[in-house]
Amino acid sequence: MTPVSKTSRRLVVALGGATVFALSLAGCAAGSGDSSSDSASGGSITVGTTDKVTSLDPAGAYDNGSFGVMNQVYPFIMNTPFGSPDVEPDIAESAEFTSPTEFTVKLKDGLTFANGNELTSSDVKFTFDRQLTIADANGPSSLLFNLDSVDAPDDLTVVFNLKSPDDQTFAQVLSSPAGPIVDEDVFSADSITSDDDIVAGKAFAGQYEITSYDFNSLIGFKAFPDYKGLLGPAKTDVVNEKFYAESPNLKLDIQEGAIDVAYRSLSATDIEDLRGNDKVKVVDGPGGEIRYIVFNFDTQPFGATTPEADPAKAVAVRQAVADLINRDELAEQVYKGTYTPLYSYIPAGLTGATESLKGLYGDGQGGPDADKAAATLQAAGVTTPVELNLQYSNDHYGPSSGDEYALIKDQLESTGLFTVNLQTTEWVQYSKDRTADVYPEYQLGWFPDYSDADNYLTPFFLKENFLSNHYDNPEVNDLILQQATTTDPAARTAIIEEIQDKVAADLSTVPYLQGSQIAITGADVTGAEDTLDPSFKFRYSALAKG
C-alpha cells in the first residue's frame, strides 16, 4: 500500500466533534474520552521548572523537560486519560490489531494543526518514518524497535506493520516520546527541525499551541480550540512555562505567589519546608522515576577501547561500585524520604519488578559491603585505588544532585578502593556529551514513557539503546523482544524477572533510587492532583486557578 496524497484536502478544515470508539487490544479494556470542542476558560497560569528543553522536535529529544512541552502541544494516536495508566485512542476513533502484525488506526475526521493544515494519515506515516530514518542518538527511536513500516491506504487509515506479532506494548509506545504526531509540511523528513521553525510553522495540534518561545527562559501556551482528542478542552486558556537556573529562585517565587505551580525540581529540604506553608499546597503523586549510574563499556576503567582493556577487570569495577552504594543513606540524608532505595531496574509497584541487585551485591540485605568490594577487585587483579571519572548534571535532576553525587563519591572513596574525579555539566551540553563517549561513568534519571515494565528494559538494554553505552548482550536482547510479544501474563512476568537477573549480573547501569512525583501549587490552584497520576504525564490542561 502507498500513502494517499492529501494535497487536494490541505485547505479543507472540517469542524465538529468525533466519538472515541473502543480500543480492541489484547489485555486492554475499552475506554471513552471527551472530545468536546468547548473552549478553555479564561485566565492564565504560570508553571515554573528547573527542567530544560533540548529540542521541540520529537525525533531529537528524549528527556523529561522536552517531553513535558511536547505533551502539551502535540497530538497522539493513543493517550492516557487522567487518573489512569492505560492507553485509549486520542486523535483516533479506533485502534486495534487487525492481524498479529498489523495494528490499524482509524483517525477522526476533520483534524487540523494550528496552522490550518489538515492532519491526516499522511502526517502519521511521515511522523514514524522520519523517527526511524533520523534515529537521532538523543531521540526515542529505540522505542520503535518492533516497527517495520507504516502504510496510509486512505486519509483516515494508518496501518502499522510490526516485525514481531502480538506486541503487548505497541499501543503504549504510541503514547510515548516516540509518538507525537508532526506536520509533514513543517518538519524535515530526514533531519532535526529547529525549534524556531516549529514555532513559526504553528505545527501543533494538542491541547495547547505555542505562541511565544524564548529557549529555556519562557514559553507561552494558548489553548488550541480545534483539539478533538481524548483529554477534552484545557481548563485554562493561557499557560506560561518559566525556566529557572537555580531551584532556590523557584522556591522563592512559588512561596511568594510570583508563579502558580512549581514542578521539577525542588530540593527535598525545600519541599519539607513548604509543607508547613499555608500559602501553598504540596501535591504528591505516584512515582516511577528512578536514578542510576551508567557505565560506558568502551571508556570505563578497563573498557573495550582503553589501553588496558580487560572485560573481567571492567565488570569487577562495576561490581565493586554496586557493592559500595549505600541507598538508605542517599534516600534519607539527601532526599528526606522523597526517594526510596531501588534494588533493580524496574521500580517497585510495577508488575515484574524484582530486587535482583540486593542479593548479588553489598551485604546481601541492601546495605554496602567494603570487604566484598575489595575481594571482587582483588580476585580480578585490579590494582586499587581505581580512578573513576564520574559526571553528573548540575541543573537537570534538581538541586540535590550535587549532594547526591558528593555522597556517592564519599561512599566510594572512604573505602580506599576508588578515587573519584567528580565533574558536572549543564544538561543541554550533557545530553550531547554522554552519547559521544565523553563520560566513562555518569548520572542519569528516568521518568517513564508509559507504565509498563518494558519501558525500563527496551530503551536501556537492547543493542541499539538510548544510553549509547556499548552494552550488548544477545541473550538479554532476545528476551526483551520475547517479553514484548508474550500474551500470557504469567509467562511474560517470568521473562521480565529473568531479564533483570541477567542485566544485574552485567551491570550496564547501577540503579539506586526510586522517587515520587511532587508539585507545589498556590493555595487557589486546582488540578495538580488530577494530572499527577499513574500516566506520569504532567498536563497543564488540568490546572485551573480561582
Protein backbone atom coordinates (compact mmCIF):
# COMPACT_ATOMS: atom_id res chain seq x y z
CA MET A 1 0.00 0.00 0.00
CA THR A 2 1.10 3.58 -0.66
CA PRO A 3 0.18 6.76 1.22
CA VAL A 4 -2.67 8.80 -0.20
CA SER A 5 -1.77 12.35 -1.25
CA LYS A 6 -3.62 15.00 0.73
CA THR A 7 -2.61 18.00 -1.36
CA SER A 8 -6.18 18.48 -2.53
CA ARG A 9 -7.51 18.31 1.03
CA ARG A 10 -5.00 20.55 2.81
CA LEU A 11 -7.17 23.65 2.75
CA VAL A 12 -10.32 21.90 3.92
CA VAL A 13 -10.84 22.42 7.63
CA ALA A 14 -13.65 20.25 8.93
CA LEU A 15 -15.28 21.24 12.21
CA GLY A 16 -17.14 19.31 14.85
CA GLY A 17 -16.52 16.61 17.43
CA ALA A 18 -15.86 12.95 16.93
CA THR A 19 -16.56 9.96 19.07
CA VAL A 20 -13.78 7.88 20.56
CA PHE A 21 -14.60 4.26 19.88
CA ALA A 22 -13.42 1.23 21.81
CA LEU A 23 -9.85 0.11 21.68
CA SER A 24 -9.73 -3.53 20.73
CA LEU A 25 -6.41 -4.78 22.03
CA ALA A 26 -5.39 -7.92 23.88
CA GLY A 27 -5.15 -7.21 27.59
CA CYS A 28 -6.59 -3.65 27.40
CA ALA A 29 -10.07 -2.58 28.40
CA ALA A 30 -12.16 -0.38 26.14
CA GLY A 31 -12.34 3.30 27.01
CA SER A 32 -14.00 6.51 26.02
CA GLY A 33 -12.94 10.11 26.06
CA ASP A 34 -14.31 13.64 25.99
CA SER A 35 -13.73 15.07 22.53
CA SER A 36 -15.74 18.21 23.21
CA SER A 37 -14.63 21.32 21.34
CA ASP A 38 -15.68 23.71 24.13
CA SER A 39 -13.19 26.49 24.59
CA ALA A 40 -10.96 26.77 27.64
CA SER A 41 -11.77 29.10 30.49
CA GLY A 42 -10.13 32.50 30.69
CA GLY A 43 -7.25 33.49 32.91
CA SER A 44 -3.66 32.36 32.95
CA ILE A 45 -1.34 30.17 34.98
CA THR A 46 2.45 30.24 35.24
CA VAL A 47 4.33 26.98 35.80
CA GLY A 48 7.95 27.11 36.99
CA THR A 49 10.56 24.40 36.43
CA THR A 50 14.29 23.79 36.52
CA ASP A 51 13.92 21.23 33.72
CA LYS A 52 15.49 22.14 30.39
CA VAL A 53 14.30 21.67 26.82
CA THR A 54 16.83 20.19 24.43
CA SER A 55 14.58 20.18 21.34
CA LEU A 56 10.92 20.60 20.38
CA ASP A 57 11.41 18.04 17.62
CA PRO A 58 10.13 14.65 18.85
CA ALA A 59 12.85 12.91 16.82
CA GLY A 60 15.61 14.89 18.53
CA ALA A 61 14.86 14.74 22.25
CA TYR A 62 14.30 12.00 24.81
CA ASP A 63 14.27 13.84 28.12
CA ASN A 64 11.64 14.91 30.60
CA GLY A 65 11.95 18.64 30.00
CA SER A 66 11.41 18.34 26.27
CA PHE A 67 8.66 15.73 26.52
CA GLY A 68 6.93 17.85 29.14
CA VAL A 69 6.44 20.54 26.50
CA MET A 70 5.59 18.04 23.74
CA ASN A 71 2.78 16.61 25.87
CA GLN A 72 1.04 19.97 25.84
CA VAL A 73 1.25 20.76 22.12
CA TYR A 74 1.38 17.59 20.03
CA PRO A 75 -1.42 15.09 19.40
CA PHE A 76 -1.01 11.36 19.91
CA ILE A 77 -2.67 8.32 18.34
CA MET A 78 -3.01 6.83 21.83
CA ASN A 79 -3.01 8.61 25.17
CA THR A 80 -3.78 8.05 28.84
CA PRO A 81 -6.89 9.65 30.34
CA PHE A 82 -6.49 11.48 33.63
CA GLY A 83 -6.11 9.08 36.54
CA SER A 84 -5.18 6.03 34.52
CA PRO A 85 -2.01 4.31 33.25
CA ASP A 86 -3.93 2.55 30.47
CA VAL A 87 -3.97 3.96 26.95
CA GLU A 88 -7.03 4.77 24.86
CA PRO A 89 -7.44 6.34 21.40
CA ASP A 90 -6.65 10.07 21.42
CA ILE A 91 -6.99 11.59 17.94
CA ALA A 92 -8.04 8.16 16.69
CA GLU A 93 -11.58 6.82 16.59
CA SER A 94 -10.32 3.27 16.94
CA ALA A 95 -7.06 1.35 17.19
CA GLU A 96 -6.82 -2.43 17.04
CA PHE A 97 -4.85 -5.41 15.84
CA THR A 98 -6.34 -6.47 12.52
CA SER A 99 -3.77 -9.26 12.27
CA PRO A 100 -0.98 -10.37 14.64
CA THR A 101 1.45 -7.99 12.90
CA GLU A 102 -0.91 -5.22 11.79
CA PHE A 103 -2.09 -2.51 14.17
CA THR A 104 -4.73 -0.49 12.33
CA VAL A 105 -5.79 3.02 13.34
CA LYS A 106 -8.79 4.99 12.13
CA LEU A 107 -8.30 8.73 12.63
CA LYS A 108 -11.08 11.14 13.48
CA ASP A 109 -12.22 13.22 10.54
CA GLY A 110 -11.61 16.97 10.44
CA LEU A 111 -8.36 17.03 12.43
CA THR A 112 -6.18 20.10 11.86
CA PHE A 113 -2.97 21.67 13.04
CA ALA A 114 -2.92 25.18 14.48
CA ASN A 115 -1.60 26.47 11.15
CA GLY A 116 -4.77 25.29 9.39
CA ASN A 117 -3.19 22.28 7.70
CA GLU A 118 -5.20 19.09 7.79
CA LEU A 119 -3.88 16.29 9.98
CA THR A 120 -4.31 13.03 8.09
CA SER A 121 -2.81 9.56 7.85
CA SER A 122 -0.05 11.01 5.67
CA ASP A 123 1.22 13.04 8.64
CA VAL A 124 1.12 9.96 10.86
CA LYS A 125 3.11 7.88 8.38
CA PHE A 126 5.55 10.76 7.94
CA THR A 127 5.98 11.05 11.73
CA PHE A 128 7.06 7.47 12.26
CA ASP A 129 9.02 7.15 9.03
CA ARG A 130 11.18 10.13 10.00
CA GLN A 131 11.75 8.78 13.53
CA LEU A 132 13.21 5.61 12.02
CA THR A 133 15.12 7.49 9.31
CA ILE A 134 16.71 10.07 11.59
CA ALA A 135 17.34 7.68 14.51
CA ASP A 136 18.96 10.52 16.43
CA ALA A 137 21.23 9.47 19.31
CA ASN A 138 19.30 11.78 21.64
CA GLY A 139 15.90 10.72 20.27
CA PRO A 140 13.40 7.98 21.19
CA SER A 141 13.57 5.88 18.02
CA SER A 142 14.74 2.86 20.03
CA LEU A 143 11.16 2.55 21.30
CA LEU A 144 10.11 1.69 17.74
CA PHE A 145 12.31 -1.40 17.57
CA ASN A 146 9.33 -3.57 16.52
CA LEU A 147 8.01 -1.22 13.82
CA ASP A 148 8.75 -2.46 10.31
CA SER A 149 6.79 0.01 8.17
CA VAL A 150 3.72 2.26 8.11
CA ASP A 151 1.02 2.36 5.41
CA ALA A 152 -1.58 5.07 4.78
CA PRO A 153 -4.15 3.48 2.41
CA ASP A 154 -6.51 6.45 2.76
CA ASP A 155 -6.61 9.79 4.55
CA LEU A 156 -8.05 8.40 7.76
CA THR A 157 -6.45 4.93 7.93
CA VAL A 158 -2.99 4.06 9.23
CA VAL A 159 -1.57 0.52 9.32
CA PHE A 160 1.48 -0.11 11.49
CA ASN A 161 3.27 -3.22 10.25
CA LEU A 162 5.19 -4.90 13.06
CA LYS A 163 8.20 -7.19 12.88
CA SER A 164 7.04 -9.50 15.68
CA PRO A 165 3.42 -10.49 16.29
CA ASP A 166 1.21 -9.75 19.29
CA ASP A 167 3.22 -6.79 20.57
CA GLN A 168 1.91 -6.18 24.09
CA THR A 169 3.50 -2.73 24.32
CA PHE A 170 2.87 -1.11 20.95
CA ALA A 171 -0.27 0.79 21.95
CA GLN A 172 1.69 2.25 24.89
CA VAL A 173 4.61 3.15 22.59
CA LEU A 174 2.21 5.26 20.53
CA SER A 175 1.64 7.38 23.66
CA SER A 176 5.36 7.69 24.40
CA PRO A 177 8.04 10.23 23.34
CA ALA A 178 8.19 8.39 20.00
CA GLY A 179 4.50 9.13 19.42
CA PRO A 180 3.87 12.90 18.98
CA ILE A 181 2.33 13.45 15.54
CA VAL A 182 4.02 16.18 13.49
CA ASP A 183 3.08 18.22 10.41
CA GLU A 184 4.83 16.94 7.30
CA ASP A 185 4.64 20.44 5.76
CA VAL A 186 6.76 21.89 8.58
CA PHE A 187 9.15 19.15 9.69
CA SER A 188 12.12 17.81 7.73
CA ALA A 189 11.84 14.18 6.64
CA ASP A 190 15.48 13.33 7.32
CA SER A 191 16.93 15.82 9.81
CA ILE A 192 16.04 17.52 13.08
CA THR A 193 13.85 20.59 12.61
CA SER A 194 14.80 23.69 14.60
CA ASP A 195 12.63 24.97 17.44
CA ASP A 196 12.22 28.31 15.66
CA ASP A 197 10.91 26.64 12.50
CA ILE A 198 8.46 24.51 14.51
CA VAL A 199 7.09 27.51 16.41
CA ALA A 200 6.92 29.69 13.30
CA GLY A 201 5.15 26.89 11.45
CA LYS A 202 2.49 26.57 14.18
CA ALA A 203 2.85 22.80 13.84
CA PHE A 204 0.75 21.99 16.91
CA ALA A 205 -2.48 20.04 17.38
CA GLY A 206 -2.51 19.13 21.06
CA GLN A 207 -4.48 20.85 23.81
CA TYR A 208 -2.20 23.90 23.50
CA GLU A 209 -0.21 25.69 20.84
CA ILE A 210 2.98 27.67 21.48
CA THR A 211 2.50 31.39 20.93
CA SER A 212 5.89 32.63 22.16
CA TYR A 213 9.19 30.86 22.67
CA ASP A 214 12.35 32.02 24.43
CA PHE A 215 14.58 28.93 24.65
CA ASN A 216 14.82 27.67 28.23
CA SER A 217 13.61 31.01 29.52
CA LEU A 218 9.86 31.34 28.86
CA ILE A 219 7.26 29.55 26.74
CA GLY A 220 3.78 30.94 26.14
CA PHE A 221 0.96 28.46 25.52
CA LYS A 222 -2.59 29.16 24.36
CA ALA A 223 -5.40 26.60 24.33
CA PHE A 224 -5.93 25.13 20.84
CA PRO A 225 -9.69 25.28 20.22
CA ASP A 226 -9.70 22.61 17.50
CA TYR A 227 -8.16 19.83 19.59
CA LYS A 228 -10.53 16.86 19.28
CA GLY A 229 -8.68 14.31 21.37
CA LEU A 230 -9.28 12.17 24.41
CA LEU A 231 -8.40 14.77 27.04
CA GLY A 232 -11.01 17.39 26.18
CA PRO A 233 -10.58 21.17 26.36
CA ALA A 234 -7.98 22.78 28.61
CA LYS A 235 -9.28 24.32 31.84
CA THR A 236 -7.10 27.43 31.47
CA ASP A 237 -6.71 29.40 28.26
CA VAL A 238 -3.18 30.74 28.73
CA VAL A 239 -0.26 28.98 30.41
CA ASN A 240 3.29 30.26 30.70
CA GLU A 241 6.21 27.98 31.47
CA LYS A 242 9.10 29.75 33.18
CA PHE A 243 12.52 28.10 33.36
CA TYR A 244 14.81 28.55 36.36
CA ALA A 245 18.56 28.05 36.51
CA GLU A 246 18.51 27.66 40.29
CA SER A 247 15.92 25.92 42.45
CA PRO A 248 16.14 28.45 45.35
CA ASN A 249 14.66 31.04 42.99
CA LEU A 250 11.92 28.59 42.01
CA LYS A 251 11.11 28.04 45.67
CA LEU A 252 11.08 31.77 46.39
CA ASP A 253 8.70 32.52 43.53
CA ILE A 254 6.18 29.80 44.43
CA GLN A 255 6.08 30.71 48.11
CA GLU A 256 5.74 34.42 47.28
CA GLY A 257 2.98 33.82 44.73
CA ALA A 258 5.02 35.03 41.74
CA ILE A 259 4.20 31.77 39.95
CA ASP A 260 1.27 29.39 40.36
CA VAL A 261 2.91 25.96 40.10
CA ALA A 262 6.43 24.63 40.73
CA TYR A 263 7.11 21.27 39.13
CA ARG A 264 10.56 19.69 38.89
CA SER A 265 12.68 20.15 40.79
CA LEU A 266 12.98 21.48 44.31
CA SER A 267 15.31 20.03 46.90
CA ALA A 268 13.95 17.63 49.48
CA THR A 269 14.69 20.23 52.18
CA ASP A 270 12.71 22.88 50.31
CA ILE A 271 9.75 20.52 49.85
CA GLU A 272 9.81 19.66 53.54
CA ASP A 273 9.85 23.38 54.39
CA LEU A 274 6.98 24.21 52.01
CA ARG A 275 4.75 21.54 53.55
CA GLY A 276 4.44 23.86 56.52
CA ASN A 277 3.48 26.93 54.45
CA ASP A 278 -0.28 27.55 54.30
CA LYS A 279 0.12 29.77 51.21
CA VAL A 280 0.94 26.76 49.05
CA LYS A 281 -0.11 23.15 48.59
CA VAL A 282 2.33 20.26 48.25
CA VAL A 283 0.75 17.66 45.96
CA ASP A 284 2.18 14.14 45.87
CA GLY A 285 1.60 11.60 43.11
CA PRO A 286 2.62 8.02 42.32
CA GLY A 287 6.25 7.72 41.30
CA GLY A 288 8.05 5.85 38.57
CA GLU A 289 11.19 7.99 38.43
CA ILE A 290 14.50 6.23 39.03
CA ARG A 291 18.12 7.33 39.46
CA TYR A 292 21.11 5.33 38.26
CA ILE A 293 24.77 5.39 37.24
CA VAL A 294 25.61 4.47 33.64
CA PHE A 295 28.87 2.78 32.69
CA ASN A 296 30.28 3.30 29.21
CA PHE A 297 31.54 -0.17 28.30
CA ASP A 298 34.16 1.33 25.95
CA THR A 299 35.66 4.08 28.11
CA GLN A 300 35.16 2.99 31.75
CA PRO A 301 38.23 1.64 33.54
CA PHE A 302 39.42 -1.40 31.56
CA GLY A 303 36.74 -0.68 28.93
CA ALA A 304 36.94 -2.06 25.40
CA THR A 305 38.69 0.97 23.85
CA THR A 306 41.06 1.79 26.72
CA PRO A 307 44.78 0.85 26.55
CA GLU A 308 44.29 -1.57 29.47
CA ALA A 309 41.12 -3.19 28.07
CA ASP A 310 40.11 -6.24 30.11
CA PRO A 311 36.47 -7.41 30.30
CA ALA A 312 36.94 -9.28 33.59
CA LYS A 313 38.52 -6.27 35.29
CA ALA A 314 35.86 -3.95 33.83
CA VAL A 315 33.00 -5.97 35.28
CA ALA A 316 34.82 -6.21 38.62
CA VAL A 317 34.95 -2.41 38.76
CA ARG A 318 31.21 -2.20 38.12
CA GLN A 319 30.53 -4.88 40.73
CA ALA A 320 32.64 -3.11 43.35
CA VAL A 321 30.71 0.12 42.78
CA ALA A 322 27.47 -1.81 43.24
CA ASP A 323 28.85 -3.30 46.45
CA LEU A 324 29.55 0.14 47.92
CA ILE A 325 26.44 2.21 47.12
CA ASN A 326 24.52 2.92 50.33
CA ARG A 327 20.97 3.50 49.11
CA ASP A 328 19.41 4.08 52.52
CA GLU A 329 21.91 6.82 53.24
CA LEU A 330 21.19 8.53 49.91
CA ALA A 331 17.42 8.30 50.38
CA GLU A 332 17.38 9.69 53.91
CA GLN A 333 20.31 12.11 54.06
CA VAL A 334 19.86 13.69 50.65
CA TYR A 335 16.18 13.19 49.82
CA LYS A 336 14.46 13.10 53.23
CA GLY A 337 12.44 10.06 52.22
CA THR A 338 11.04 11.57 49.00
CA TYR A 339 13.08 8.85 47.27
CA THR A 340 13.36 5.24 48.42
CA PRO A 341 16.06 2.60 47.78
CA LEU A 342 15.84 0.77 44.46
CA TYR A 343 17.44 -2.64 44.01
CA SER A 344 16.63 -3.46 40.41
CA TYR A 345 15.83 -1.92 37.04
CA ILE A 346 12.04 -1.80 37.35
CA PRO A 347 10.60 0.26 40.21
CA ALA A 348 8.56 -1.34 42.95
CA GLY A 349 4.85 -1.39 42.18
CA LEU A 350 5.06 -2.44 38.54
CA THR A 351 4.32 -5.99 37.50
CA GLY A 352 7.52 -7.98 37.17
CA ALA A 353 9.65 -5.81 39.46
CA THR A 354 12.27 -7.73 41.45
CA GLU A 355 15.17 -6.87 43.75
CA SER A 356 17.83 -8.62 41.69
CA LEU A 357 20.67 -6.39 42.87
CA LYS A 358 20.02 -6.85 46.58
CA GLY A 359 21.18 -10.45 46.78
CA LEU A 360 24.05 -10.09 44.34
CA TYR A 361 25.86 -7.06 45.76
CA GLY A 362 26.75 -5.45 49.07
CA ASP A 363 25.85 -7.32 52.22
CA GLY A 364 23.01 -9.23 50.52
CA GLN A 365 20.41 -7.28 52.51
CA GLY A 366 20.57 -3.98 50.66
CA GLY A 367 23.49 -2.45 52.53
CA PRO A 368 27.07 -1.80 51.36
CA ASP A 369 29.98 -4.20 51.95
CA ALA A 370 33.51 -2.82 51.56
CA ASP A 371 35.18 -6.17 52.21
CA LYS A 372 33.20 -7.79 49.40
CA ALA A 373 34.10 -4.97 47.02
CA ALA A 374 37.80 -5.30 47.89
CA ALA A 375 37.71 -9.07 47.38
CA THR A 376 35.99 -8.66 44.00
CA LEU A 377 38.67 -6.25 42.76
CA GLN A 378 41.50 -8.35 44.13
CA ALA A 379 40.20 -11.55 42.54
CA ALA A 380 40.14 -9.82 39.15
CA GLY A 381 43.69 -8.49 39.60
CA VAL A 382 42.62 -4.85 39.78
CA THR A 383 45.10 -2.51 41.48
CA THR A 384 43.45 -0.04 43.86
CA PRO A 385 42.52 2.72 44.14
CA VAL A 386 40.66 2.68 40.83
CA GLU A 387 40.20 6.08 39.23
CA LEU A 388 36.61 6.91 38.23
CA ASN A 389 35.69 9.99 36.19
CA LEU A 390 32.11 10.39 37.34
CA GLN A 391 29.90 13.01 35.72
CA TYR A 392 26.56 14.46 36.82
CA SER A 393 24.24 17.22 35.64
CA ASN A 394 24.01 20.23 37.92
CA ASP A 395 20.70 21.53 36.54
CA HIS A 396 18.56 18.66 35.23
CA TYR A 397 17.81 16.42 38.20
CA GLY A 398 17.28 19.09 40.79
CA PRO A 399 19.48 20.93 43.26
CA SER A 400 20.11 17.84 45.35
CA SER A 401 22.21 16.22 42.62
CA GLY A 402 25.30 17.92 43.97
CA ASP A 403 24.70 16.48 47.44
CA GLU A 404 23.73 13.13 45.93
CA TYR A 405 26.96 12.73 44.00
CA ALA A 406 29.13 14.18 46.74
CA LEU A 407 27.78 11.42 48.98
CA ILE A 408 28.32 8.74 46.31
CA LYS A 409 31.90 9.99 45.91
CA ASP A 410 32.39 9.72 49.68
CA GLN A 411 30.88 6.22 49.78
CA LEU A 412 33.29 5.02 47.10
CA GLU A 413 36.42 6.84 48.31
CA SER A 414 36.06 6.19 52.04
CA THR A 415 36.97 2.54 51.44
CA GLY A 416 40.26 3.42 49.74
CA LEU A 417 39.19 1.35 46.73
CA PHE A 418 38.33 4.27 44.45
CA THR A 419 39.47 7.79 43.63
CA VAL A 420 36.53 9.72 42.16
CA ASN A 421 37.01 12.73 39.92
CA LEU A 422 33.57 14.29 40.23
CA GLN A 423 32.61 16.68 37.43
CA THR A 424 29.41 18.44 36.39
CA THR A 425 27.95 19.85 33.16
CA GLU A 426 24.73 21.69 32.31
CA TRP A 427 22.10 19.47 30.75
CA VAL A 428 21.95 20.86 27.21
CA GLN A 429 25.64 20.02 26.71
CA TYR A 430 25.50 16.95 28.96
CA SER A 431 22.83 15.30 26.81
CA LYS A 432 25.13 15.58 23.78
CA ASP A 433 28.36 14.55 25.51
CA ARG A 434 27.02 11.40 27.12
CA THR A 435 26.18 9.82 23.73
CA ALA A 436 29.58 10.79 22.30
CA ASP A 437 31.66 8.66 24.71
CA VAL A 438 32.76 11.74 26.67
CA TYR A 439 31.77 10.34 30.08
CA PRO A 440 33.09 6.95 31.29
CA GLU A 441 30.59 6.92 34.16
CA TYR A 442 27.68 9.29 34.55
CA GLN A 443 24.38 10.10 36.23
CA LEU A 444 21.02 9.61 34.61
CA GLY A 445 17.44 9.58 35.80
CA TRP A 446 14.43 8.04 34.10
CA PHE A 447 10.91 9.32 34.03
CA PRO A 448 8.89 6.59 32.29
CA ASP A 449 7.29 6.95 28.89
CA TYR A 450 4.50 4.57 29.89
CA SER A 451 3.67 2.50 32.96
CA ASP A 452 4.83 -0.94 31.87
CA ALA A 453 7.95 -2.85 32.90
CA ASP A 454 9.06 -2.91 29.27
CA ASN A 455 9.78 0.81 29.41
CA TYR A 456 12.55 0.17 31.92
CA LEU A 457 14.10 -2.53 29.71
CA THR A 458 13.76 -1.81 25.98
CA PRO A 459 15.21 1.75 25.97
CA PHE A 460 18.17 0.68 28.12
CA PHE A 461 19.29 -2.81 27.21
CA LEU A 462 18.51 -3.57 23.57
CA LYS A 463 21.66 -3.40 21.44
CA GLU A 464 20.56 -0.09 19.91
CA ASN A 465 19.54 1.86 23.01
CA PHE A 466 19.35 5.46 24.09
CA LEU A 467 22.18 5.04 26.61
CA SER A 468 24.66 4.52 23.73
CA ASN A 469 26.99 2.90 26.26
CA HIS A 470 28.00 -0.04 24.03
CA TYR A 471 26.27 -2.67 26.16
CA ASP A 472 25.34 -5.71 24.06
CA ASN A 473 24.11 -9.00 25.50
CA PRO A 474 22.40 -11.04 22.73
CA GLU A 475 20.57 -13.18 25.27
CA VAL A 476 19.13 -10.13 27.02
CA ASN A 477 18.28 -8.65 23.64
CA ASP A 478 16.31 -11.76 22.63
CA LEU A 479 14.49 -11.94 25.97
CA ILE A 480 13.41 -8.29 25.71
CA LEU A 481 11.96 -8.94 22.27
CA GLN A 482 10.30 -12.10 23.58
CA GLN A 483 8.57 -10.48 26.56
CA ALA A 484 7.11 -7.77 24.35
CA THR A 485 5.15 -10.35 22.34
CA THR A 486 4.25 -12.85 25.07
CA THR A 487 0.50 -12.77 25.53
CA ASP A 488 0.31 -14.93 28.68
CA PRO A 489 0.73 -12.51 31.63
CA ALA A 490 2.43 -15.03 33.94
CA ALA A 491 4.87 -16.15 31.27
CA ARG A 492 5.67 -12.55 30.37
CA THR A 493 6.30 -11.67 34.03
CA ALA A 494 8.71 -14.60 34.35
CA ILE A 495 10.70 -13.36 31.33
CA ILE A 496 10.82 -9.82 32.74
CA GLU A 497 12.19 -11.20 36.01
CA GLU A 498 14.83 -13.21 34.13
CA ILE A 499 15.95 -10.13 32.21
CA GLN A 500 16.52 -8.23 35.45
CA ASP A 501 18.67 -11.06 36.83
CA LYS A 502 20.84 -11.15 33.70
CA VAL A 503 21.28 -7.37 33.50
CA ALA A 504 22.08 -7.29 37.22
CA ALA A 505 24.96 -9.66 36.53
CA ASP A 506 26.25 -7.44 33.69
CA LEU A 507 25.67 -4.07 35.42
CA SER A 508 25.18 -1.89 32.38
CA THR A 509 23.77 0.55 34.93
CA VAL A 510 23.55 0.64 38.71
CA PRO A 511 20.09 1.86 39.77
CA TYR A 512 19.82 3.07 43.34
CA LEU A 513 16.78 5.33 43.99
CA GLN A 514 13.07 5.49 43.14
CA GLY A 515 11.14 8.75 43.55
CA SER A 516 7.60 10.09 43.64
CA GLN A 517 6.00 12.94 41.67
CA ILE A 518 5.67 16.22 43.58
CA ALA A 519 4.21 19.57 42.55
CA ILE A 520 3.86 22.75 44.62
CA THR A 521 0.89 24.97 43.80
CA GLY A 522 -0.64 28.17 45.05
CA ALA A 523 -3.47 27.67 47.53
CA ASP A 524 -6.04 28.68 44.88
CA VAL A 525 -4.77 26.32 42.15
CA THR A 526 -6.60 23.07 41.44
CA GLY A 527 -5.98 20.16 39.13
CA ALA A 528 -2.41 19.14 40.02
CA GLU A 529 -3.75 16.14 41.89
CA ASP A 530 -5.57 15.06 38.72
CA THR A 531 -2.51 15.13 36.47
CA LEU A 532 -0.01 13.66 38.96
CA ASP A 533 -1.37 10.26 38.04
CA PRO A 534 -0.01 6.84 37.01
CA SER A 535 0.45 8.05 33.42
CA PHE A 536 3.44 10.07 34.69
CA LYS A 537 2.48 12.94 32.35
CA PHE A 538 2.12 16.42 33.87
CA ARG A 539 -0.54 18.10 31.72
CA TYR A 540 -1.18 21.81 32.07
CA SER A 541 -4.72 21.42 30.75
CA ALA A 542 -5.84 20.05 34.14
CA LEU A 543 -4.75 23.18 36.02
CA ALA A 544 -7.11 25.99 36.97
CA LYS A 545 -6.94 28.96 39.33
CA GLY A 546 -9.59 30.54 41.49
